[in-house]
C-alpha atoms as a PDB file:
ATOM      1  CA  MET A   1       0.000   0.000   0.000  1.00  0.00           C
ATOM      2  CA  ASN A   2       2.764   2.473   1.004  1.00  0.00           C
ATOM      3  CA  PHE A   3       4.833   1.425  -2.073  1.00  0.00           C
ATOM      4  CA  GLY A   4       1.908   2.318  -4.336  1.00  0.00           C
ATOM      5  CA  LYS A   5       1.534   5.806  -2.851  1.00  0.00           C
ATOM      6  CA  ALA A   6       5.253   6.466  -3.217  1.00  0.00           C
ATOM      7  CA  THR A   7       5.128   5.387  -6.846  1.00  0.00           C
ATOM      8  CA  VAL A   8       2.225   7.751  -7.571  1.00  0.00           C
ATOM      9  CA  VAL A   9       4.067  10.639  -5.929  1.00  0.00           C
ATOM     10  CA  LEU A  10       7.211   9.962  -7.955  1.00  0.00           C
ATOM     11  CA  ILE A  11       5.249   9.774 -11.202  1.00  0.00           C
ATOM     12  CA  LEU A  12       3.432  13.057 -10.469  1.00  0.00           C
ATOM     13  CA  PHE A  13       6.754  14.714  -9.617  1.00  0.00           C
ATOM     14  CA  ALA A  14       8.301  13.483 -12.853  1.00  0.00           C
ATOM     15  CA  VAL A  15       5.350  14.763 -14.897  1.00  0.00           C
ATOM     16  CA  PHE A  16       5.492  18.124 -13.147  1.00  0.00           C
ATOM     17  CA  PHE A  17       9.282  18.410 -13.624  1.00  0.00           C
ATOM     18  CA  THR A  18       9.040  17.452 -17.313  1.00  0.00           C
ATOM     19  CA  SER A  19       6.236  19.967 -17.854  1.00  0.00           C
ATOM     20  CA  CYS A  20       8.320  22.736 -16.288  1.00  0.00           C
ATOM     21  CA  LYS A  21      11.311  21.829 -18.441  1.00  0.00           C
ATOM     22  CA  LYS A  22       9.153  22.087 -21.575  1.00  0.00           C
ATOM     23  CA  ASN A  23       7.976  25.567 -20.613  1.00  0.00           C
ATOM     24  CA  GLU A  24      11.504  26.886 -20.019  1.00  0.00           C
ATOM     25  CA  GLU A  25      13.019  29.132 -22.682  1.00  0.00           C
ATOM     26  CA  PRO A  26      16.070  27.579 -24.362  1.00  0.00           C
ATOM     27  CA  PRO A  27      19.270  29.470 -23.586  1.00  0.00           C
ATOM     28  CA  ALA A  28      20.060  32.168 -26.127  1.00  0.00           C
ATOM     29  CA  VAL A  29      22.911  31.355 -28.479  1.00  0.00           C
ATOM     30  CA  GLN A  30      25.546  34.050 -28.124  1.00  0.00           C
ATOM     31  CA  PRO A  31      27.264  35.127 -31.348  1.00  0.00           C
ATOM     32  CA  PRO A  32      31.054  34.889 -31.432  1.00  0.00           C
ATOM     33  CA  GLN A  33      32.876  38.067 -30.507  1.00  0.00           C
ATOM     34  CA  PHE A  34      34.490  38.190 -33.949  1.00  0.00           C
ATOM     35  CA  GLU A  35      33.236  36.770 -37.213  1.00  0.00           C
ATOM     36  CA  ILE A  36      33.893  37.032 -40.936  1.00  0.00           C
ATOM     37  CA  GLN A  37      31.099  38.173 -43.230  1.00  0.00           C
ATOM     38  CA  LYS A  38      31.241  37.656 -46.970  1.00  0.00           C
ATOM     39  CA  ARG A  39      31.964  40.807 -48.946  1.00  0.00           C
ATOM     40  CA  ASP A  40      32.076  40.941 -52.722  1.00  0.00           C
ATOM     41  CA  ASN A  41      34.128  44.095 -53.263  1.00  0.00           C
ATOM     42  CA  MET A  42      37.376  44.856 -51.468  1.00  0.00           C
ATOM     43  CA  PRO A  43      39.462  48.025 -51.446  1.00  0.00           C
ATOM     44  CA  VAL A  44      42.680  47.873 -53.437  1.00  0.00           C
ATOM     45  CA  PHE A  45      45.947  47.291 -51.569  1.00  0.00           C
ATOM     46  CA  ASP A  46      48.907  48.623 -53.561  1.00  0.00           C
ATOM     47  CA  SER A  47      52.092  46.606 -52.946  1.00  0.00           C
ATOM     48  CA  LEU A  48      54.128  49.016 -55.081  1.00  0.00           C
ATOM     49  CA  ASN A  49      53.380  51.722 -52.530  1.00  0.00           C
ATOM     50  CA  VAL A  50      54.471  49.391 -49.742  1.00  0.00           C
ATOM     51  CA  TYR A  51      57.740  48.577 -51.456  1.00  0.00           C
ATOM     52  CA  GLU A  52      58.483  52.285 -51.791  1.00  0.00           C
ATOM     53  CA  TYR A  53      57.629  52.835 -48.131  1.00  0.00           C
ATOM     54  CA  VAL A  54      60.081  50.100 -47.128  1.00  0.00           C
ATOM     55  CA  LYS A  55      62.775  51.383 -49.484  1.00  0.00           C
ATOM     56  CA  ARG A  56      62.369  54.978 -48.327  1.00  0.00           C
ATOM     57  CA  GLN A  57      62.848  53.993 -44.686  1.00  0.00           C
ATOM     58  CA  THR A  58      66.116  52.215 -45.457  1.00  0.00           C
ATOM     59  CA  GLU A  59      67.347  55.153 -47.550  1.00  0.00           C
ATOM     60  CA  PHE A  60      67.275  57.413 -44.502  1.00  0.00           C
ATOM     61  CA  GLY A  61      69.905  55.194 -42.903  1.00  0.00           C
ATOM     62  CA  PRO A  62      69.765  53.372 -39.547  1.00  0.00           C
ATOM     63  CA  ARG A  63      66.644  54.252 -37.561  1.00  0.00           C
ATOM     64  CA  VAL A  64      68.575  54.405 -34.309  1.00  0.00           C
ATOM     65  CA  SER A  65      67.764  56.958 -31.626  1.00  0.00           C
ATOM     66  CA  GLY A  66      70.051  59.992 -31.616  1.00  0.00           C
ATOM     67  CA  LEU A  67      71.034  59.777 -35.285  1.00  0.00           C
ATOM     68  CA  PRO A  68      69.813  62.289 -37.904  1.00  0.00           C
ATOM     69  CA  SER A  69      68.458  59.317 -39.888  1.00  0.00           C
ATOM     70  CA  TRP A  70      66.172  58.459 -36.943  1.00  0.00           C
ATOM     71  CA  GLU A  71      64.818  62.015 -36.844  1.00  0.00           C
ATOM     72  CA  ASN A  72      64.295  62.108 -40.611  1.00  0.00           C
ATOM     73  CA  ALA A  73      62.564  58.717 -40.684  1.00  0.00           C
ATOM     74  CA  LYS A  74      60.306  59.739 -37.799  1.00  0.00           C
ATOM     75  CA  LYS A  75      59.263  62.894 -39.633  1.00  0.00           C
ATOM     76  CA  TYR A  76      58.561  60.871 -42.787  1.00  0.00           C
ATOM     77  CA  LEU A  77      56.389  58.329 -40.949  1.00  0.00           C
ATOM     78  CA  ILE A  78      54.398  61.054 -39.197  1.00  0.00           C
ATOM     79  CA  GLU A  79      53.772  62.887 -42.460  1.00  0.00           C
ATOM     80  CA  SER A  80      52.794  59.661 -44.257  1.00  0.00           C
ATOM     81  CA  LEU A  81      50.184  58.836 -41.620  1.00  0.00           C
ATOM     82  CA  GLN A  82      48.846  62.383 -41.673  1.00  0.00           C
ATOM     83  CA  LYS A  83      48.495  62.260 -45.471  1.00  0.00           C
ATOM     84  CA  SER A  84      46.350  59.135 -45.116  1.00  0.00           C
ATOM     85  CA  GLY A  85      43.904  61.034 -42.920  1.00  0.00           C
ATOM     86  CA  ALA A  86      44.946  59.573 -39.576  1.00  0.00           C
ATOM     87  CA  LYS A  87      44.900  61.607 -36.393  1.00  0.00           C
ATOM     88  CA  VAL A  88      48.554  61.378 -35.341  1.00  0.00           C
ATOM     89  CA  THR A  89      49.782  61.524 -31.759  1.00  0.00           C
ATOM     90  CA  LEU A  90      53.277  60.899 -30.431  1.00  0.00           C
ATOM     91  CA  GLN A  91      54.256  59.042 -27.284  1.00  0.00           C
ATOM     92  CA  ASP A  92      57.755  60.214 -26.352  1.00  0.00           C
ATOM     93  CA  PHE A  93      59.642  58.384 -23.630  1.00  0.00           C
ATOM     94  CA  GLU A  94      63.128  57.643 -22.356  1.00  0.00           C
ATOM     95  CA  ALA A  95      64.633  54.273 -21.491  1.00  0.00           C
ATOM     96  CA  VAL A  96      67.992  52.957 -20.370  1.00  0.00           C
ATOM     97  CA  VAL A  97      69.409  50.484 -22.905  1.00  0.00           C
ATOM     98  CA  PRO A  98      71.560  47.467 -21.950  1.00  0.00           C
ATOM     99  CA  TRP A  99      74.871  49.329 -22.312  1.00  0.00           C
ATOM    100  CA  GLY A 100      73.739  51.878 -19.715  1.00  0.00           C
ATOM    101  CA  GLU A 101      72.854  54.840 -21.921  1.00  0.00           C
ATOM    102  CA  LYS A 102      69.537  56.676 -21.470  1.00  0.00           C
ATOM    103  CA  MET A 103      67.999  57.206 -24.911  1.00  0.00           C
ATOM    104  CA  LYS A 104      64.971  59.022 -26.299  1.00  0.00           C
ATOM    105  CA  PHE A 105      62.283  57.102 -28.196  1.00  0.00           C
ATOM    106  CA  THR A 106      58.959  57.875 -29.859  1.00  0.00           C
ATOM    107  CA  ASN A 107      55.946  55.652 -30.462  1.00  0.00           C
ATOM    108  CA  ILE A 108      53.982  57.009 -33.442  1.00  0.00           C
ATOM    109  CA  ILE A 109      50.190  56.540 -33.310  1.00  0.00           C
ATOM    110  CA  GLY A 110      47.765  57.076 -36.187  1.00  0.00           C
ATOM    111  CA  SER A 111      44.062  56.785 -35.323  1.00  0.00           C
ATOM    112  CA  PHE A 112      41.050  56.430 -37.609  1.00  0.00           C
ATOM    113  CA  ASN A 113      37.496  57.017 -36.377  1.00  0.00           C
ATOM    114  CA  PRO A 114      38.919  57.875 -32.938  1.00  0.00           C
ATOM    115  CA  ASP A 115      35.524  58.078 -31.194  1.00  0.00           C
ATOM    116  CA  ALA A 116      34.435  54.546 -32.128  1.00  0.00           C
ATOM    117  CA  ALA A 117      33.942  52.293 -29.080  1.00  0.00           C
ATOM    118  CA  LYS A 118      34.953  49.177 -31.002  1.00  0.00           C
ATOM    119  CA  ARG A 119      38.621  49.385 -32.046  1.00  0.00           C
ATOM    120  CA  VAL A 120      41.410  47.304 -33.546  1.00  0.00           C
ATOM    121  CA  LEU A 121      45.134  47.843 -32.990  1.00  0.00           C
ATOM    122  CA  LEU A 122      47.579  47.337 -35.882  1.00  0.00           C
ATOM    123  CA  CYS A 123      51.258  47.600 -34.982  1.00  0.00           C
ATOM    124  CA  ALA A 124      54.872  47.127 -36.040  1.00  0.00           C
ATOM    125  CA  HIS A 125      58.235  48.526 -34.938  1.00  0.00           C
ATOM    126  CA  TRP A 126      59.885  51.302 -36.930  1.00  0.00           C
ATOM    127  CA  ASP A 127      63.361  51.280 -35.387  1.00  0.00           C
ATOM    128  CA  SER A 128      66.271  49.273 -36.778  1.00  0.00           C
ATOM    129  CA  ARG A 129      68.736  47.276 -34.702  1.00  0.00           C
ATOM    130  CA  PRO A 130      71.705  49.384 -33.506  1.00  0.00           C
ATOM    131  CA  HIS A 131      74.207  46.516 -33.663  1.00  0.00           C
ATOM    132  CA  ALA A 132      74.780  43.764 -36.238  1.00  0.00           C
ATOM    133  CA  ASP A 133      75.675  41.138 -33.644  1.00  0.00           C
ATOM    134  CA  LYS A 134      74.936  38.198 -35.959  1.00  0.00           C
ATOM    135  CA  GLU A 135      77.656  39.206 -38.420  1.00  0.00           C
ATOM    136  CA  ALA A 136      80.418  36.611 -38.793  1.00  0.00           C
ATOM    137  CA  ASP A 137      82.967  39.425 -38.673  1.00  0.00           C
ATOM    138  CA  SER A 138      83.014  40.614 -35.054  1.00  0.00           C
ATOM    139  CA  SER A 139      84.445  43.993 -36.099  1.00  0.00           C
ATOM    140  CA  LYS A 140      80.974  44.779 -37.541  1.00  0.00           C
ATOM    141  CA  HIS A 141      79.007  43.894 -34.430  1.00  0.00           C
ATOM    142  CA  LYS A 142      78.522  47.527 -33.383  1.00  0.00           C
ATOM    143  CA  THR A 143      77.333  48.648 -36.833  1.00  0.00           C
ATOM    144  CA  PRO A 144      73.575  49.425 -37.127  1.00  0.00           C
ATOM    145  CA  ILE A 145      71.665  47.239 -39.591  1.00  0.00           C
ATOM    146  CA  PRO A 146      69.494  48.539 -42.472  1.00  0.00           C
ATOM    147  CA  GLY A 147      66.408  46.778 -41.079  1.00  0.00           C
ATOM    148  CA  ALA A 148      64.582  46.445 -44.400  1.00  0.00           C
ATOM    149  CA  ASN A 149      62.672  43.382 -43.247  1.00  0.00           C
ATOM    150  CA  ASP A 150      63.189  43.696 -39.506  1.00  0.00           C
ATOM    151  CA  GLY A 151      61.128  46.800 -38.938  1.00  0.00           C
ATOM    152  CA  ALA A 152      60.601  48.575 -42.256  1.00  0.00           C
ATOM    153  CA  SER A 153      58.521  45.823 -43.912  1.00  0.00           C
ATOM    154  CA  GLY A 154      55.817  45.748 -41.231  1.00  0.00           C
ATOM    155  CA  THR A 155      55.793  49.525 -41.008  1.00  0.00           C
ATOM    156  CA  GLY A 156      55.460  49.789 -44.806  1.00  0.00           C
ATOM    157  CA  VAL A 157      52.454  47.462 -44.856  1.00  0.00           C
ATOM    158  CA  LEU A 158      50.759  49.529 -42.146  1.00  0.00           C
ATOM    159  CA  LEU A 159      51.374  52.801 -43.994  1.00  0.00           C
ATOM    160  CA  GLU A 160      49.582  51.420 -47.051  1.00  0.00           C
ATOM    161  CA  LEU A 161      46.772  50.027 -44.872  1.00  0.00           C
ATOM    162  CA  ALA A 162      46.448  53.569 -43.503  1.00  0.00           C
ATOM    163  CA  ASN A 163      45.922  54.794 -47.066  1.00  0.00           C
ATOM    164  CA  VAL A 164      43.264  52.137 -47.619  1.00  0.00           C
ATOM    165  CA  ILE A 165      41.428  52.871 -44.364  1.00  0.00           C
ATOM    166  CA  GLY A 166      41.597  56.628 -44.951  1.00  0.00           C
ATOM    167  CA  LYS A 167      39.768  56.214 -48.265  1.00  0.00           C
ATOM    168  CA  ASN A 168      37.422  53.363 -47.257  1.00  0.00           C
ATOM    169  CA  LYS A 169      35.759  53.774 -43.872  1.00  0.00           C
ATOM    170  CA  LEU A 170      35.457  50.755 -41.607  1.00  0.00           C
ATOM    171  CA  ASP A 171      32.605  50.021 -39.201  1.00  0.00           C
ATOM    172  CA  TYR A 172      35.008  50.282 -36.254  1.00  0.00           C
ATOM    173  CA  GLY A 173      38.001  52.368 -35.233  1.00  0.00           C
ATOM    174  CA  VAL A 174      41.621  51.529 -35.986  1.00  0.00           C
ATOM    175  CA  ASP A 175      44.770  52.615 -34.164  1.00  0.00           C
ATOM    176  CA  ILE A 176      48.028  52.082 -36.060  1.00  0.00           C
ATOM    177  CA  VAL A 177      50.970  52.116 -33.673  1.00  0.00           C
ATOM    178  CA  LEU A 178      54.598  52.191 -34.820  1.00  0.00           C
ATOM    179  CA  PHE A 179      56.703  51.174 -31.836  1.00  0.00           C
ATOM    180  CA  ASP A 180      60.176  52.515 -31.280  1.00  0.00           C
ATOM    181  CA  GLY A 181      62.985  50.797 -29.364  1.00  0.00           C
ATOM    182  CA  GLU A 182      62.026  47.223 -30.208  1.00  0.00           C
ATOM    183  CA  ASP A 183      65.494  45.972 -31.133  1.00  0.00           C
ATOM    184  CA  TYR A 184      67.943  47.336 -28.548  1.00  0.00           C
ATOM    185  CA  GLY A 185      68.369  44.093 -26.623  1.00  0.00           C
ATOM    186  CA  VAL A 186      71.379  41.818 -26.286  1.00  0.00           C
ATOM    187  CA  SER A 187      71.449  38.035 -26.449  1.00  0.00           C
ATOM    188  CA  SER A 188      71.767  37.570 -22.692  1.00  0.00           C
ATOM    189  CA  SER A 189      68.624  39.475 -21.664  1.00  0.00           C
ATOM    190  CA  LEU A 190      65.126  40.492 -22.751  1.00  0.00           C
ATOM    191  CA  GLU A 191      65.338  43.819 -20.911  1.00  0.00           C
ATOM    192  CA  GLY A 192      66.445  45.849 -23.923  1.00  0.00           C
ATOM    193  CA  TYR A 193      63.830  44.467 -26.299  1.00  0.00           C
ATOM    194  CA  CYS A 194      60.338  45.834 -26.974  1.00  0.00           C
ATOM    195  CA  LEU A 195      60.928  49.087 -25.136  1.00  0.00           C
ATOM    196  CA  GLY A 196      58.225  50.916 -27.084  1.00  0.00           C
ATOM    197  CA  SER A 197      55.515  48.319 -26.596  1.00  0.00           C
ATOM    198  CA  LYS A 198      56.424  47.956 -22.917  1.00  0.00           C
ATOM    199  CA  HIS A 199      56.018  51.700 -22.419  1.00  0.00           C
ATOM    200  CA  PHE A 200      52.812  51.767 -24.479  1.00  0.00           C
ATOM    201  CA  ALA A 201      51.303  48.885 -22.495  1.00  0.00           C
ATOM    202  CA  SER A 202      52.178  50.322 -19.082  1.00  0.00           C
ATOM    203  CA  ASN A 203      51.281  53.917 -20.033  1.00  0.00           C
ATOM    204  CA  PHE A 204      48.325  53.315 -22.345  1.00  0.00           C
ATOM    205  CA  PRO A 205      47.884  56.615 -24.220  1.00  0.00           C
ATOM    206  CA  LEU A 206      44.552  56.087 -25.970  1.00  0.00           C
ATOM    207  CA  PRO A 207      41.073  56.778 -24.562  1.00  0.00           C
ATOM    208  CA  ILE A 208      39.602  53.440 -25.680  1.00  0.00           C
ATOM    209  CA  LYS A 209      41.200  50.014 -25.364  1.00  0.00           C
ATOM    210  CA  PRO A 210      41.177  47.921 -28.579  1.00  0.00           C
ATOM    211  CA  LYS A 211      39.282  44.647 -28.838  1.00  0.00           C
ATOM    212  CA  PHE A 212      42.443  43.007 -30.184  1.00  0.00           C
ATOM    213  CA  GLY A 213      45.715  43.723 -31.932  1.00  0.00           C
ATOM    214  CA  ILE A 214      47.703  42.427 -34.911  1.00  0.00           C
ATOM    215  CA  LEU A 215      51.491  42.793 -34.875  1.00  0.00           C
ATOM    216  CA  LEU A 216      53.593  42.607 -38.056  1.00  0.00           C
ATOM    217  CA  ASP A 217      57.306  41.790 -37.939  1.00  0.00           C
ATOM    218  CA  LEU A 218      59.704  40.324 -40.505  1.00  0.00           C
ATOM    219  CA  VAL A 219      56.921  40.063 -43.079  1.00  0.00           C
ATOM    220  CA  GLY A 220      58.512  41.044 -46.408  1.00  0.00           C
ATOM    221  CA  ASP A 221      60.946  38.273 -47.354  1.00  0.00           C
ATOM    222  CA  ILE A 222      60.862  36.738 -50.847  1.00  0.00           C
ATOM    223  CA  GLU A 223      60.040  33.327 -49.376  1.00  0.00           C
ATOM    224  CA  ALA A 224      58.092  34.457 -46.327  1.00  0.00           C
ATOM    225  CA  VAL A 225      55.998  31.902 -44.443  1.00  0.00           C
ATOM    226  CA  TYR A 226      53.765  32.819 -41.511  1.00  0.00           C
ATOM    227  CA  MET A 227      53.284  30.003 -39.014  1.00  0.00           C
ATOM    228  CA  ARG A 228      51.130  30.080 -35.903  1.00  0.00           C
ATOM    229  CA  GLU A 229      53.219  31.561 -33.136  1.00  0.00           C
ATOM    230  CA  PRO A 230      52.797  29.933 -29.685  1.00  0.00           C
ATOM    231  CA  ALA A 231      52.196  33.053 -27.570  1.00  0.00           C
ATOM    232  CA  SER A 232      49.731  34.326 -30.164  1.00  0.00           C
ATOM    233  CA  MET A 233      47.809  31.073 -29.845  1.00  0.00           C
ATOM    234  CA  GLN A 234      47.942  31.214 -26.059  1.00  0.00           C
ATOM    235  CA  TYR A 235      46.576  34.741 -25.776  1.00  0.00           C
ATOM    236  CA  ALA A 236      44.619  35.186 -29.021  1.00  0.00           C
ATOM    237  CA  GLY A 237      43.935  31.696 -30.309  1.00  0.00           C
ATOM    238  CA  ASP A 238      40.464  32.525 -31.603  1.00  0.00           C
ATOM    239  CA  LEU A 239      41.836  35.347 -33.741  1.00  0.00           C
ATOM    240  CA  VAL A 240      44.746  33.265 -35.015  1.00  0.00           C
ATOM    241  CA  GLU A 241      42.220  30.661 -36.143  1.00  0.00           C
ATOM    242  CA  LEU A 242      39.951  33.271 -37.730  1.00  0.00           C
ATOM    243  CA  LEU A 243      42.737  35.084 -39.594  1.00  0.00           C
ATOM    244  CA  TRP A 244      44.606  31.962 -40.732  1.00  0.00           C
ATOM    245  CA  ARG A 245      41.385  30.354 -41.966  1.00  0.00           C
ATOM    246  CA  TYR A 246      40.484  33.534 -43.830  1.00  0.00           C
ATOM    247  CA  ALA A 247      43.923  33.711 -45.443  1.00  0.00           C
ATOM    248  CA  GLN A 248      43.816  30.077 -46.511  1.00  0.00           C
ATOM    249  CA  SER A 249      40.278  30.347 -47.840  1.00  0.00           C
ATOM    250  CA  SER A 250      41.402  33.263 -50.005  1.00  0.00           C
ATOM    251  CA  GLY A 251      44.116  31.115 -51.555  1.00  0.00           C
ATOM    252  CA  ASN A 252      47.085  32.473 -49.631  1.00  0.00           C
ATOM    253  CA  SER A 253      49.629  29.698 -49.129  1.00  0.00           C
ATOM    254  CA  ARG A 254      51.997  31.705 -46.901  1.00  0.00           C
ATOM    255  CA  PHE A 255      49.816  31.192 -43.811  1.00  0.00           C
ATOM    256  CA  LYS A 256      50.702  27.739 -42.488  1.00  0.00           C
ATOM    257  CA  ASP A 257      49.088  25.696 -39.719  1.00  0.00           C
ATOM    258  CA  PHE A 258      52.495  24.616 -38.382  1.00  0.00           C
ATOM    259  CA  ILE A 259      53.537  25.918 -34.976  1.00  0.00           C
ATOM    260  CA  SER A 260      56.609  28.149 -35.022  1.00  0.00           C
ATOM    261  CA  GLN A 261      59.234  28.576 -32.360  1.00  0.00           C
ATOM    262  CA  PRO A 262      58.124  30.930 -29.537  1.00  0.00           C
ATOM    263  CA  ILE A 263      58.965  34.550 -30.345  1.00  0.00           C
ATOM    264  CA  TYR A 264      59.491  37.325 -27.806  1.00  0.00           C
ATOM    265  CA  ASP A 265      58.149  40.349 -29.656  1.00  0.00           C
ATOM    266  CA  ASP A 266      55.998  43.427 -29.142  1.00  0.00           C
ATOM    267  CA  HIS A 267      52.867  41.290 -28.758  1.00  0.00           C
ATOM    268  CA  ILE A 268      54.121  39.913 -25.422  1.00  0.00           C
ATOM    269  CA  PRO A 269      53.947  43.181 -23.411  1.00  0.00           C
ATOM    270  CA  LEU A 270      50.584  43.931 -25.031  1.00  0.00           C
ATOM    271  CA  ASN A 271      49.127  40.553 -24.120  1.00  0.00           C
ATOM    272  CA  GLU A 272      50.502  40.747 -20.599  1.00  0.00           C
ATOM    273  CA  ALA A 273      48.671  44.077 -20.246  1.00  0.00           C
ATOM    274  CA  GLY A 274      45.392  42.518 -21.385  1.00  0.00           C
ATOM    275  CA  ILE A 275      45.448  43.622 -25.032  1.00  0.00           C
ATOM    276  CA  LYS A 276      44.835  40.404 -26.940  1.00  0.00           C
ATOM    277  CA  THR A 277      47.364  40.478 -29.785  1.00  0.00           C
ATOM    278  CA  LEU A 278      48.601  38.020 -32.413  1.00  0.00           C
ATOM    279  CA  ASN A 279      51.929  38.183 -34.227  1.00  0.00           C
ATOM    280  CA  ILE A 280      52.292  37.670 -37.970  1.00  0.00           C
ATOM    281  CA  ILE A 281      55.989  36.908 -38.350  1.00  0.00           C
ATOM    282  CA  ASP A 282      58.289  34.914 -40.611  1.00  0.00           C
ATOM    283  CA  ALA A 283      59.676  33.103 -37.564  1.00  0.00           C
ATOM    284  CA  GLY A 284      62.040  30.935 -39.592  1.00  0.00           C
ATOM    285  CA  LEU A 285      64.290  33.985 -40.018  1.00  0.00           C
ATOM    286  CA  VAL A 286      64.836  34.468 -36.291  1.00  0.00           C
ATOM    287  CA  GLY A 287      68.196  33.139 -35.181  1.00  0.00           C
ATOM    288  CA  ALA A 288      69.807  33.296 -38.650  1.00  0.00           C
ATOM    289  CA  ASN A 289      70.155  29.510 -38.806  1.00  0.00           C
ATOM    290  CA  SER A 290      68.086  28.692 -41.884  1.00  0.00           C
ATOM    291  CA  ALA A 291      69.096  25.918 -44.280  1.00  0.00           C
ATOM    292  CA  ASN A 292      68.776  28.574 -46.990  1.00  0.00           C
ATOM    293  CA  PRO A 293      71.938  30.761 -46.841  1.00  0.00           C
ATOM    294  CA  ARG A 294      70.144  33.777 -48.322  1.00  0.00           C
ATOM    295  CA  ARG A 295      67.720  33.842 -45.411  1.00  0.00           C
ATOM    296  CA  ASN A 296      70.430  34.029 -42.760  1.00  0.00           C
ATOM    297  CA  TYR A 297      70.443  37.825 -42.595  1.00  0.00           C
ATOM    298  CA  TRP A 298      68.591  38.385 -39.290  1.00  0.00           C
ATOM    299  CA  HIS A 299      70.486  40.994 -37.215  1.00  0.00           C
ATOM    300  CA  THR A 300      73.134  41.364 -39.929  1.00  0.00           C
ATOM    301  CA  LEU A 301      74.024  44.037 -42.477  1.00  0.00           C
ATOM    302  CA  ASN A 302      72.374  41.917 -45.176  1.00  0.00           C
ATOM    303  CA  ASP A 303      68.894  42.831 -43.931  1.00  0.00           C
ATOM    304  CA  ASP A 304      68.417  45.063 -46.962  1.00  0.00           C
ATOM    305  CA  MET A 305      66.109  45.555 -49.948  1.00  0.00           C
ATOM    306  CA  ARG A 306      67.522  42.547 -51.804  1.00  0.00           C
ATOM    307  CA  ASN A 307      65.371  40.308 -49.604  1.00  0.00           C
ATOM    308  CA  ILE A 308      62.121  42.272 -49.963  1.00  0.00           C
ATOM    309  CA  SER A 309      59.448  41.039 -52.387  1.00  0.00           C
ATOM    310  CA  LYS A 310      56.578  43.041 -53.858  1.00  0.00           C
ATOM    311  CA  THR A 311      54.674  39.763 -54.253  1.00  0.00           C
ATOM    312  CA  THR A 312      55.041  38.926 -50.573  1.00  0.00           C
ATOM    313  CA  LEU A 313      53.933  42.415 -49.573  1.00  0.00           C
ATOM    314  CA  TYR A 314      50.900  42.106 -51.835  1.00  0.00           C
ATOM    315  CA  ASP A 315      49.997  38.658 -50.511  1.00  0.00           C
ATOM    316  CA  LEU A 316      50.028  39.859 -46.921  1.00  0.00           C
ATOM    317  CA  GLY A 317      48.381  43.202 -47.617  1.00  0.00           C
ATOM    318  CA  ARG A 318      45.557  41.600 -49.585  1.00  0.00           C
ATOM    319  CA  VAL A 319      44.837  39.204 -46.704  1.00  0.00           C
ATOM    320  CA  LEU A 320      44.864  41.960 -44.097  1.00  0.00           C
ATOM    321  CA  THR A 321      42.678  44.243 -46.206  1.00  0.00           C
ATOM    322  CA  GLY A 322      40.162  41.490 -46.833  1.00  0.00           C
ATOM    323  CA  PHE A 323      40.184  40.418 -43.196  1.00  0.00           C
ATOM    324  CA  LEU A 324      39.629  43.927 -41.841  1.00  0.00           C
ATOM    325  CA  TYR A 325      36.814  44.723 -44.263  1.00  0.00           C
ATOM    326  CA  SER A 326      35.114  41.358 -43.738  1.00  0.00           C
ATOM    327  CA  LEU A 327      35.400  41.517 -39.963  1.00  0.00           C
ATOM    328  CA  LYS A 328      32.362  42.005 -37.753  1.00  0.00           C
ATOM    329  CA  ILE A 329      32.919  42.823 -34.082  1.00  0.00           C
ATOM    330  CA  ASN A 330      29.880  41.809 -32.029  1.00  0.00           C
END
């Protein structure tokens, strides 16, 4: 008798519980924070302009703080961003470099649609390394390098993207940041590297924090390949996946799904400060130990225009243009 009552109670409870479950609203499906939307027409990215931007930077001479070539290059970069329609601000700072000297540096910032709440950060470093410490001849170790690929290539791509964005408005704001003082470190320490991005991250100069950032470094080589960089995947894995898939779907074979060696670069201070940033970098160049002798010019005097390819610059610029103009930030 008692067993029968208990059974009835359990059945009624189950019916009631099932009825309540049916009346509940299903949880809303949240859209991804970033997604790609199909777009038929894309703005034109001119790789010939980029090549000239890279060449012009190297023609000034070493972009090393305190030299007239550094001042002249800085003026040129500021004027180029202003011509594109960007609102340009400068972040001047001082830092002590590994050999004990206090030096002056300048981060150059070009902003588009500065009042937009949704923003993207695009960055590269504009300085060139003050010592060619990977040269076989030790007497050349204190000679500044040209920095055609290591610095000027990423900066050149961003200057042309500034031209594109200035003529073709995006649905969100963009801040282009050219970091100074990236390459003053020595092999025994990370302290002298990424001085500009470290200062930018710890003294954030903009009114609105970006949703994410893309860093360009060593991007212009004739045989450039961009693998997935470990820290980029750790901090910005969703964006690495989105950008690499977009590049591959557009037929770009330079973006590989292989994992590169870890790279300490300007994206590290940004990520540590909470600005999710990925690094597009030809990581196989770092260390100057490639099986291809031509590619062993990292931190040497051979980092010059002979290694820069208009085709590579076009391939990367076309991907970035398409990605930015297909991007929806939810």
